């Protein structure tokens, strides 16, 4: 059981979503939301200010994504406890989030009690994965195709996510605080690791693996 209040930082760019799960969490004894961030950079800044016991992090954020934010927070504090709460029902995102340092991964389609249970487990130092993602992780290893989740580092996966969102080399470089040349080198390395020769093939692979959806393509 949780005794004294455990502080939580919520990270999501949608105010209504933050309000919803703040309400759920604060009904639980021993949990207290101390700060909220709307993007990865603010999450990193507020983490350093508040040193919360737990960060609940979305992955789809303006600027740097959640995976990069997780990586930066864990670089600052290797003991940081981070639980991903996201719409992405895809094994690749789960693998990359955990590789970056997250201790849990729950989808937003999960019932509130699944989120609460995951919060308690991560606070207790355990790994927490929602049942739907457990299933996806099992299926992920049946594919013969080079899988982005398995072959890319967290930084490479974040660059891939930004490339798929049609961010320019300069935009990616500015967001990740690296040089445009480094972005270009990573772009080439990502294609090599995934066994594709062109950006069109990269998009097709991302669609097959569920990293990119047809709705994302239509919205671009």
C-alpha atoms as a PDB file:
ATOM      1  CA  UNK A   1       0.000   0.000   0.000  1.00  0.00           C
ATOM      2  CA  UNK A   2       1.078   3.557  -0.641  1.00  0.00           C
ATOM      3  CA  UNK A   3       1.455   5.620   2.508  1.00  0.00           C
ATOM      4  CA  UNK A   4       2.663   9.210   2.225  1.00  0.00           C
ATOM      5  CA  UNK A   5       1.677  11.156  -0.853  1.00  0.00           C
ATOM      6  CA  UNK A   6       3.574  10.274  -4.015  1.00  0.00           C
ATOM      7  CA  UNK A   7       4.055  13.202  -6.383  1.00  0.00           C
ATOM      8  CA  UNK A   8       3.124  12.859 -10.046  1.00  0.00           C
ATOM      9  CA  UNK A   9       4.009  14.887 -13.144  1.00  0.00           C
ATOM     10  CA  UNK A  10       1.442  14.571 -15.963  1.00  0.00           C
ATOM     11  CA  UNK A  11       2.667  15.100 -19.530  1.00  0.00           C
ATOM     12  CA  UNK A  12       0.046  15.426 -22.283  1.00  0.00           C
ATOM     13  CA  UNK A  13      -0.660  18.222 -24.745  1.00  0.00           C
ATOM     14  CA  UNK A  14      -4.448  17.886 -24.375  1.00  0.00           C
ATOM     15  CA  UNK A  15      -5.880  19.715 -21.351  1.00  0.00           C
ATOM     16  CA  UNK A  16      -9.060  17.616 -21.333  1.00  0.00           C
ATOM     17  CA  UNK A  17      -7.042  14.402 -21.211  1.00  0.00           C
ATOM     18  CA  UNK A  18      -4.878  15.713 -18.369  1.00  0.00           C
ATOM     19  CA  UNK A  19      -7.979  16.771 -16.459  1.00  0.00           C
ATOM     20  CA  UNK A  20      -9.503  13.317 -16.914  1.00  0.00           C
ATOM     21  CA  UNK A  21      -6.663  11.292 -15.565  1.00  0.00           C
ATOM     22  CA  UNK A  22      -5.771  13.871 -12.907  1.00  0.00           C
ATOM     23  CA  UNK A  23      -9.295  13.309 -11.590  1.00  0.00           C
ATOM     24  CA  UNK A  24      -8.846   9.533 -11.634  1.00  0.00           C
ATOM     25  CA  UNK A  25      -5.458   9.642  -9.918  1.00  0.00           C
ATOM     26  CA  UNK A  26      -6.287  12.124  -7.199  1.00  0.00           C
ATOM     27  CA  UNK A  27      -9.187   9.943  -6.057  1.00  0.00           C
ATOM     28  CA  UNK A  28      -6.568   7.377  -5.059  1.00  0.00           C
ATOM     29  CA  UNK A  29      -5.153   7.740  -1.548  1.00  0.00           C
ATOM     30  CA  UNK A  30      -1.488   8.627  -1.538  1.00  0.00           C
ATOM     31  CA  UNK A  31      -1.312  10.146  -5.039  1.00  0.00           C
ATOM     32  CA  UNK A  32      -0.856  13.871  -5.707  1.00  0.00           C
ATOM     33  CA  UNK A  33      -0.430  15.573  -9.093  1.00  0.00           C
ATOM     34  CA  UNK A  34       2.130  18.333  -8.491  1.00  0.00           C
ATOM     35  CA  UNK A  35       2.744  19.561 -12.056  1.00  0.00           C
ATOM     36  CA  UNK A  36       1.566  19.248 -15.657  1.00  0.00           C
ATOM     37  CA  UNK A  37       3.470  19.665 -18.915  1.00  0.00           C
ATOM     38  CA  UNK A  38       2.203  20.037 -22.477  1.00  0.00           C
ATOM     39  CA  UNK A  39       5.372  18.959 -24.299  1.00  0.00           C
ATOM     40  CA  UNK A  40       8.614  17.054 -23.829  1.00  0.00           C
ATOM     41  CA  UNK A  41      10.814  20.079 -23.213  1.00  0.00           C
ATOM     42  CA  UNK A  42       8.496  21.360 -20.470  1.00  0.00           C
ATOM     43  CA  UNK A  43       8.328  17.866 -18.976  1.00  0.00           C
ATOM     44  CA  UNK A  44      12.121  17.783 -18.712  1.00  0.00           C
ATOM     45  CA  UNK A  45      12.210  21.259 -17.119  1.00  0.00           C
ATOM     46  CA  UNK A  46       9.431  20.505 -14.630  1.00  0.00           C
ATOM     47  CA  UNK A  47      10.986  17.188 -13.705  1.00  0.00           C
ATOM     48  CA  UNK A  48      14.157  18.993 -12.657  1.00  0.00           C
ATOM     49  CA  UNK A  49      12.103  21.510 -10.635  1.00  0.00           C
ATOM     50  CA  UNK A  50       9.728  19.099  -8.856  1.00  0.00           C
ATOM     51  CA  UNK A  51      11.628  15.772  -8.847  1.00  0.00           C
ATOM     52  CA  UNK A  52       8.308  13.854  -8.875  1.00  0.00           C
ATOM     53  CA  UNK A  53       8.041  10.248  -7.757  1.00  0.00           C
ATOM     54  CA  UNK A  54       6.368   9.352 -11.051  1.00  0.00           C
ATOM     55  CA  UNK A  55       6.022  10.825 -14.537  1.00  0.00           C
ATOM     56  CA  UNK A  56       2.995   9.817 -16.620  1.00  0.00           C
ATOM     57  CA  UNK A  57       4.029  10.556 -20.190  1.00  0.00           C
ATOM     58  CA  UNK A  58       2.191  10.660 -23.496  1.00  0.00           C
ATOM     59  CA  UNK A  59       4.322   9.900 -26.579  1.00  0.00           C
ATOM     60  CA  UNK A  60       2.703  12.164 -29.202  1.00  0.00           C
ATOM     61  CA  UNK A  61       3.846  15.604 -28.097  1.00  0.00           C
ATOM     62  CA  UNK A  62       4.741  18.879 -29.832  1.00  0.00           C
ATOM     63  CA  UNK A  63       8.473  19.348 -30.406  1.00  0.00           C
ATOM     64  CA  UNK A  64      10.481  16.451 -29.019  1.00  0.00           C
ATOM     65  CA  UNK A  65       8.332  13.375 -28.591  1.00  0.00           C
ATOM     66  CA  UNK A  66       7.739  11.386 -25.448  1.00  0.00           C
ATOM     67  CA  UNK A  67      10.474   8.840 -26.154  1.00  0.00           C
ATOM     68  CA  UNK A  68      13.118  11.556 -26.409  1.00  0.00           C
ATOM     69  CA  UNK A  69      11.715  13.219 -23.278  1.00  0.00           C
ATOM     70  CA  UNK A  70      11.972   9.890 -21.423  1.00  0.00           C
ATOM     71  CA  UNK A  71      15.569   9.490 -22.576  1.00  0.00           C
ATOM     72  CA  UNK A  72      16.501  13.001 -21.372  1.00  0.00           C
ATOM     73  CA  UNK A  73      14.795  12.596 -17.995  1.00  0.00           C
ATOM     74  CA  UNK A  74      16.528   9.268 -17.395  1.00  0.00           C
ATOM     75  CA  UNK A  75      19.851  10.852 -18.348  1.00  0.00           C
ATOM     76  CA  UNK A  76      19.217  13.519 -15.691  1.00  0.00           C
ATOM     77  CA  UNK A  77      18.001  11.006 -13.090  1.00  0.00           C
ATOM     78  CA  UNK A  78      18.695   7.331 -13.740  1.00  0.00           C
ATOM     79  CA  UNK A  79      16.196   6.398 -11.010  1.00  0.00           C
ATOM     80  CA  UNK A  80      13.276   8.363 -12.549  1.00  0.00           C
ATOM     81  CA  UNK A  81      10.065   6.340 -12.706  1.00  0.00           C
ATOM     82  CA  UNK A  82       8.147   6.927 -15.919  1.00  0.00           C
ATOM     83  CA  UNK A  83       4.870   5.392 -17.057  1.00  0.00           C
ATOM     84  CA  UNK A  84       3.768   5.875 -20.664  1.00  0.00           C
ATOM     85  CA  UNK A  85       0.054   6.540 -21.179  1.00  0.00           C
ATOM     86  CA  UNK A  86      -0.604   6.814 -24.897  1.00  0.00           C
ATOM     87  CA  UNK A  87      -2.900   6.155 -27.840  1.00  0.00           C
ATOM     88  CA  UNK A  88      -0.192   4.089 -29.611  1.00  0.00           C
ATOM     89  CA  UNK A  89      -1.255   0.435 -29.526  1.00  0.00           C
ATOM     90  CA  UNK A  90       1.921  -0.686 -31.224  1.00  0.00           C
ATOM     91  CA  UNK A  91       4.735  -2.902 -30.010  1.00  0.00           C
ATOM     92  CA  UNK A  92       7.408  -0.719 -31.622  1.00  0.00           C
ATOM     93  CA  UNK A  93       6.467   2.281 -29.488  1.00  0.00           C
ATOM     94  CA  UNK A  94       6.316   0.157 -26.335  1.00  0.00           C
ATOM     95  CA  UNK A  95       9.731  -1.405 -26.969  1.00  0.00           C
ATOM     96  CA  UNK A  96      11.312   1.966 -27.700  1.00  0.00           C
ATOM     97  CA  UNK A  97       9.707   3.655 -24.675  1.00  0.00           C
ATOM     98  CA  UNK A  98      10.977   0.930 -22.353  1.00  0.00           C
ATOM     99  CA  UNK A  99      14.386   0.979 -24.012  1.00  0.00           C
ATOM    100  CA  UNK A 100      14.523   4.742 -23.407  1.00  0.00           C
ATOM    101  CA  UNK A 101      13.815   4.157 -19.712  1.00  0.00           C
ATOM    102  CA  UNK A 102      10.052   3.888 -19.155  1.00  0.00           C
ATOM    103  CA  UNK A 103       8.950   1.327 -16.562  1.00  0.00           C
ATOM    104  CA  UNK A 104       5.401   0.959 -17.844  1.00  0.00           C
ATOM    105  CA  UNK A 105       3.235   1.293 -20.932  1.00  0.00           C
ATOM    106  CA  UNK A 106      -0.557   1.654 -20.829  1.00  0.00           C
ATOM    107  CA  UNK A 107      -2.820   2.527 -23.755  1.00  0.00           C
ATOM    108  CA  UNK A 108      -5.529   5.181 -23.467  1.00  0.00           C
ATOM    109  CA  UNK A 109      -8.163   2.630 -24.468  1.00  0.00           C
ATOM    110  CA  UNK A 110      -7.490   0.781 -21.202  1.00  0.00           C
ATOM    111  CA  UNK A 111     -10.018   1.077 -18.353  1.00  0.00           C
ATOM    112  CA  UNK A 112      -9.078   3.566 -15.580  1.00  0.00           C
ATOM    113  CA  UNK A 113      -8.338   0.729 -13.166  1.00  0.00           C
ATOM    114  CA  UNK A 114      -5.577  -0.522 -15.505  1.00  0.00           C
ATOM    115  CA  UNK A 115      -3.894   2.890 -15.355  1.00  0.00           C
ATOM    116  CA  UNK A 116      -4.211   3.038 -11.561  1.00  0.00           C
ATOM    117  CA  UNK A 117      -2.806  -0.491 -11.188  1.00  0.00           C
ATOM    118  CA  UNK A 118       0.127   0.413 -13.462  1.00  0.00           C
ATOM    119  CA  UNK A 119       0.812   3.571 -11.438  1.00  0.00           C
ATOM    120  CA  UNK A 120       0.984   1.541  -8.223  1.00  0.00           C
ATOM    121  CA  UNK A 121       3.226  -1.084  -9.831  1.00  0.00           C
ATOM    122  CA  UNK A 122       5.693   1.442 -11.255  1.00  0.00           C
ATOM    123  CA  UNK A 123       5.810   3.304  -7.930  1.00  0.00           C
ATOM    124  CA  UNK A 124       6.659  -0.053  -6.352  1.00  0.00           C
ATOM    125  CA  UNK A 125       9.561  -0.452  -8.793  1.00  0.00           C
ATOM    126  CA  UNK A 126       7.863  -2.987 -11.066  1.00  0.00           C
ATOM    127  CA  UNK A 127       7.369  -3.061 -14.839  1.00  0.00           C
ATOM    128  CA  UNK A 128       3.722  -2.532 -15.877  1.00  0.00           C
ATOM    129  CA  UNK A 129       2.361  -3.302 -19.353  1.00  0.00           C
ATOM    130  CA  UNK A 130      -1.339  -3.165 -20.286  1.00  0.00           C
ATOM    131  CA  UNK A 131      -2.753  -6.497 -21.586  1.00  0.00           C
ATOM    132  CA  UNK A 132      -3.329  -5.250 -25.152  1.00  0.00           C
ATOM    133  CA  UNK A 133       0.331  -4.257 -25.504  1.00  0.00           C
ATOM    134  CA  UNK A 134       1.484  -7.574 -24.012  1.00  0.00           C
ATOM    135  CA  UNK A 135      -0.352  -9.232 -26.915  1.00  0.00           C
ATOM    136  CA  UNK A 136       1.226  -6.880 -29.474  1.00  0.00           C
ATOM    137  CA  UNK A 137       4.704  -7.541 -28.081  1.00  0.00           C
ATOM    138  CA  UNK A 138       4.178 -11.274 -28.550  1.00  0.00           C
ATOM    139  CA  UNK A 139       3.074 -10.804 -32.169  1.00  0.00           C
ATOM    140  CA  UNK A 140       5.943  -8.399 -32.833  1.00  0.00           C
ATOM    141  CA  UNK A 141       8.509 -11.193 -32.630  1.00  0.00           C
ATOM    142  CA  UNK A 142       6.748 -13.344 -35.241  1.00  0.00           C
ATOM    143  CA  UNK A 143       7.562 -10.993 -38.129  1.00  0.00           C
ATOM    144  CA  UNK A 144      10.492 -11.849 -40.408  1.00  0.00           C
ATOM    145  CA  UNK A 145      10.896  -8.224 -41.524  1.00  0.00           C
ATOM    146  CA  UNK A 146      13.525  -6.006 -39.842  1.00  0.00           C
ATOM    147  CA  UNK A 147      11.522  -4.433 -37.060  1.00  0.00           C
ATOM    148  CA  UNK A 148      12.070  -0.801 -36.115  1.00  0.00           C
ATOM    149  CA  UNK A 149      11.498  -1.631 -32.458  1.00  0.00           C
ATOM    150  CA  UNK A 150      14.335  -4.144 -32.428  1.00  0.00           C
ATOM    151  CA  UNK A 151      17.007  -2.529 -34.585  1.00  0.00           C
ATOM    152  CA  UNK A 152      16.732   1.208 -33.854  1.00  0.00           C
ATOM    153  CA  UNK A 153      17.987   3.051 -30.788  1.00  0.00           C
ATOM    154  CA  UNK A 154      15.633   5.402 -28.925  1.00  0.00           C
ATOM    155  CA  UNK A 155      17.267   8.415 -30.610  1.00  0.00           C
ATOM    156  CA  UNK A 156      16.988   6.802 -34.065  1.00  0.00           C
ATOM    157  CA  UNK A 157      13.343   5.931 -33.443  1.00  0.00           C
ATOM    158  CA  UNK A 158      12.595   9.536 -32.468  1.00  0.00           C
ATOM    159  CA  UNK A 159      14.256  10.784 -35.674  1.00  0.00           C
ATOM    160  CA  UNK A 160      12.195   8.245 -37.641  1.00  0.00           C
ATOM    161  CA  UNK A 161       8.999   9.494 -35.973  1.00  0.00           C
ATOM    162  CA  UNK A 162       9.868  13.082 -36.925  1.00  0.00           C
ATOM    163  CA  UNK A 163      10.786  12.120 -40.494  1.00  0.00           C
ATOM    164  CA  UNK A 164       7.442  10.344 -40.864  1.00  0.00           C
ATOM    165  CA  UNK A 165       5.749  13.517 -39.605  1.00  0.00           C
ATOM    166  CA  UNK A 166       7.468  15.329 -42.507  1.00  0.00           C
ATOM    167  CA  UNK A 167       9.667  17.450 -40.262  1.00  0.00           C
ATOM    168  CA  UNK A 168      12.633  18.962 -42.114  1.00  0.00           C
ATOM    169  CA  UNK A 169      16.244  18.119 -41.305  1.00  0.00           C
ATOM    170  CA  UNK A 170      16.667  21.584 -39.790  1.00  0.00           C
ATOM    171  CA  UNK A 171      13.519  21.237 -37.636  1.00  0.00           C
ATOM    172  CA  UNK A 172      14.645  17.854 -36.327  1.00  0.00           C
ATOM    173  CA  UNK A 173      18.151  19.169 -35.612  1.00  0.00           C
ATOM    174  CA  UNK A 174      16.760  22.143 -33.655  1.00  0.00           C
ATOM    175  CA  UNK A 175      14.328  20.002 -31.623  1.00  0.00           C
ATOM    176  CA  UNK A 176      16.946  17.396 -30.685  1.00  0.00           C
ATOM    177  CA  UNK A 177      19.854  19.845 -30.243  1.00  0.00           C
ATOM    178  CA  UNK A 178      22.013  18.098 -32.820  1.00  0.00           C
ATOM    179  CA  UNK A 179      23.493  19.245 -36.120  1.00  0.00           C
ATOM    180  CA  UNK A 180      21.679  18.906 -39.473  1.00  0.00           C
ATOM    181  CA  UNK A 181      24.589  16.719 -40.600  1.00  0.00           C
ATOM    182  CA  UNK A 182      23.946  14.337 -37.697  1.00  0.00           C
ATOM    183  CA  UNK A 183      20.256  14.198 -38.648  1.00  0.00           C
ATOM    184  CA  UNK A 184      21.178  13.381 -42.245  1.00  0.00           C
ATOM    185  CA  UNK A 185      23.560  10.643 -41.067  1.00  0.00           C
ATOM    186  CA  UNK A 186      20.866   9.190 -38.794  1.00  0.00           C
ATOM    187  CA  UNK A 187      18.350   9.309 -41.664  1.00  0.00           C
ATOM    188  CA  UNK A 188      20.715   7.223 -43.793  1.00  0.00           C
ATOM    189  CA  UNK A 189      21.531   4.858 -40.921  1.00  0.00           C
ATOM    190  CA  UNK A 190      17.832   4.269 -40.192  1.00  0.00           C
ATOM    191  CA  UNK A 191      17.195   3.253 -43.807  1.00  0.00           C
ATOM    192  CA  UNK A 192      20.235   0.951 -43.747  1.00  0.00           C
ATOM    193  CA  UNK A 193      19.143  -0.735 -40.519  1.00  0.00           C
ATOM    194  CA  UNK A 194      15.607  -1.244 -41.822  1.00  0.00           C
ATOM    195  CA  UNK A 195      16.787  -2.484 -45.213  1.00  0.00           C
ATOM    196  CA  UNK A 196      15.075   0.201 -47.316  1.00  0.00           C
ATOM    197  CA  UNK A 197      16.586   2.379 -50.012  1.00  0.00           C
ATOM    198  CA  UNK A 198      14.168   5.300 -50.277  1.00  0.00           C
ATOM    199  CA  UNK A 199      11.881   7.404 -48.119  1.00  0.00           C
ATOM    200  CA  UNK A 200       8.856   5.952 -49.927  1.00  0.00           C
ATOM    201  CA  UNK A 201       9.963   2.454 -48.877  1.00  0.00           C
ATOM    202  CA  UNK A 202      10.499   3.800 -45.354  1.00  0.00           C
ATOM    203  CA  UNK A 203       6.907   5.064 -45.254  1.00  0.00           C
ATOM    204  CA  UNK A 204       5.606   1.733 -46.564  1.00  0.00           C
ATOM    205  CA  UNK A 205       7.546  -0.164 -43.884  1.00  0.00           C
ATOM    206  CA  UNK A 206       6.237   2.216 -41.191  1.00  0.00           C
ATOM    207  CA  UNK A 207       2.671   1.584 -42.407  1.00  0.00           C
ATOM    208  CA  UNK A 208       3.184  -2.200 -42.358  1.00  0.00           C
ATOM    209  CA  UNK A 209       4.596  -2.097 -38.838  1.00  0.00           C
ATOM    210  CA  UNK A 210       1.912   0.263 -37.541  1.00  0.00           C
ATOM    211  CA  UNK A 211       4.358   3.060 -36.684  1.00  0.00           C
ATOM    212  CA  UNK A 212       2.518   5.216 -39.207  1.00  0.00           C
ATOM    213  CA  UNK A 213      -1.190   4.873 -39.939  1.00  0.00           C
ATOM    214  CA  UNK A 214      -3.022   5.636 -43.172  1.00  0.00           C
ATOM    215  CA  UNK A 215      -4.815   8.411 -41.293  1.00  0.00           C
ATOM    216  CA  UNK A 216      -1.428  10.017 -40.589  1.00  0.00           C
ATOM    217  CA  UNK A 217      -0.625   9.868 -44.304  1.00  0.00           C
ATOM    218  CA  UNK A 218      -3.987  11.359 -45.266  1.00  0.00           C
ATOM    219  CA  UNK A 219      -3.551  14.190 -42.744  1.00  0.00           C
ATOM    220  CA  UNK A 220      -0.070  15.055 -43.997  1.00  0.00           C
END
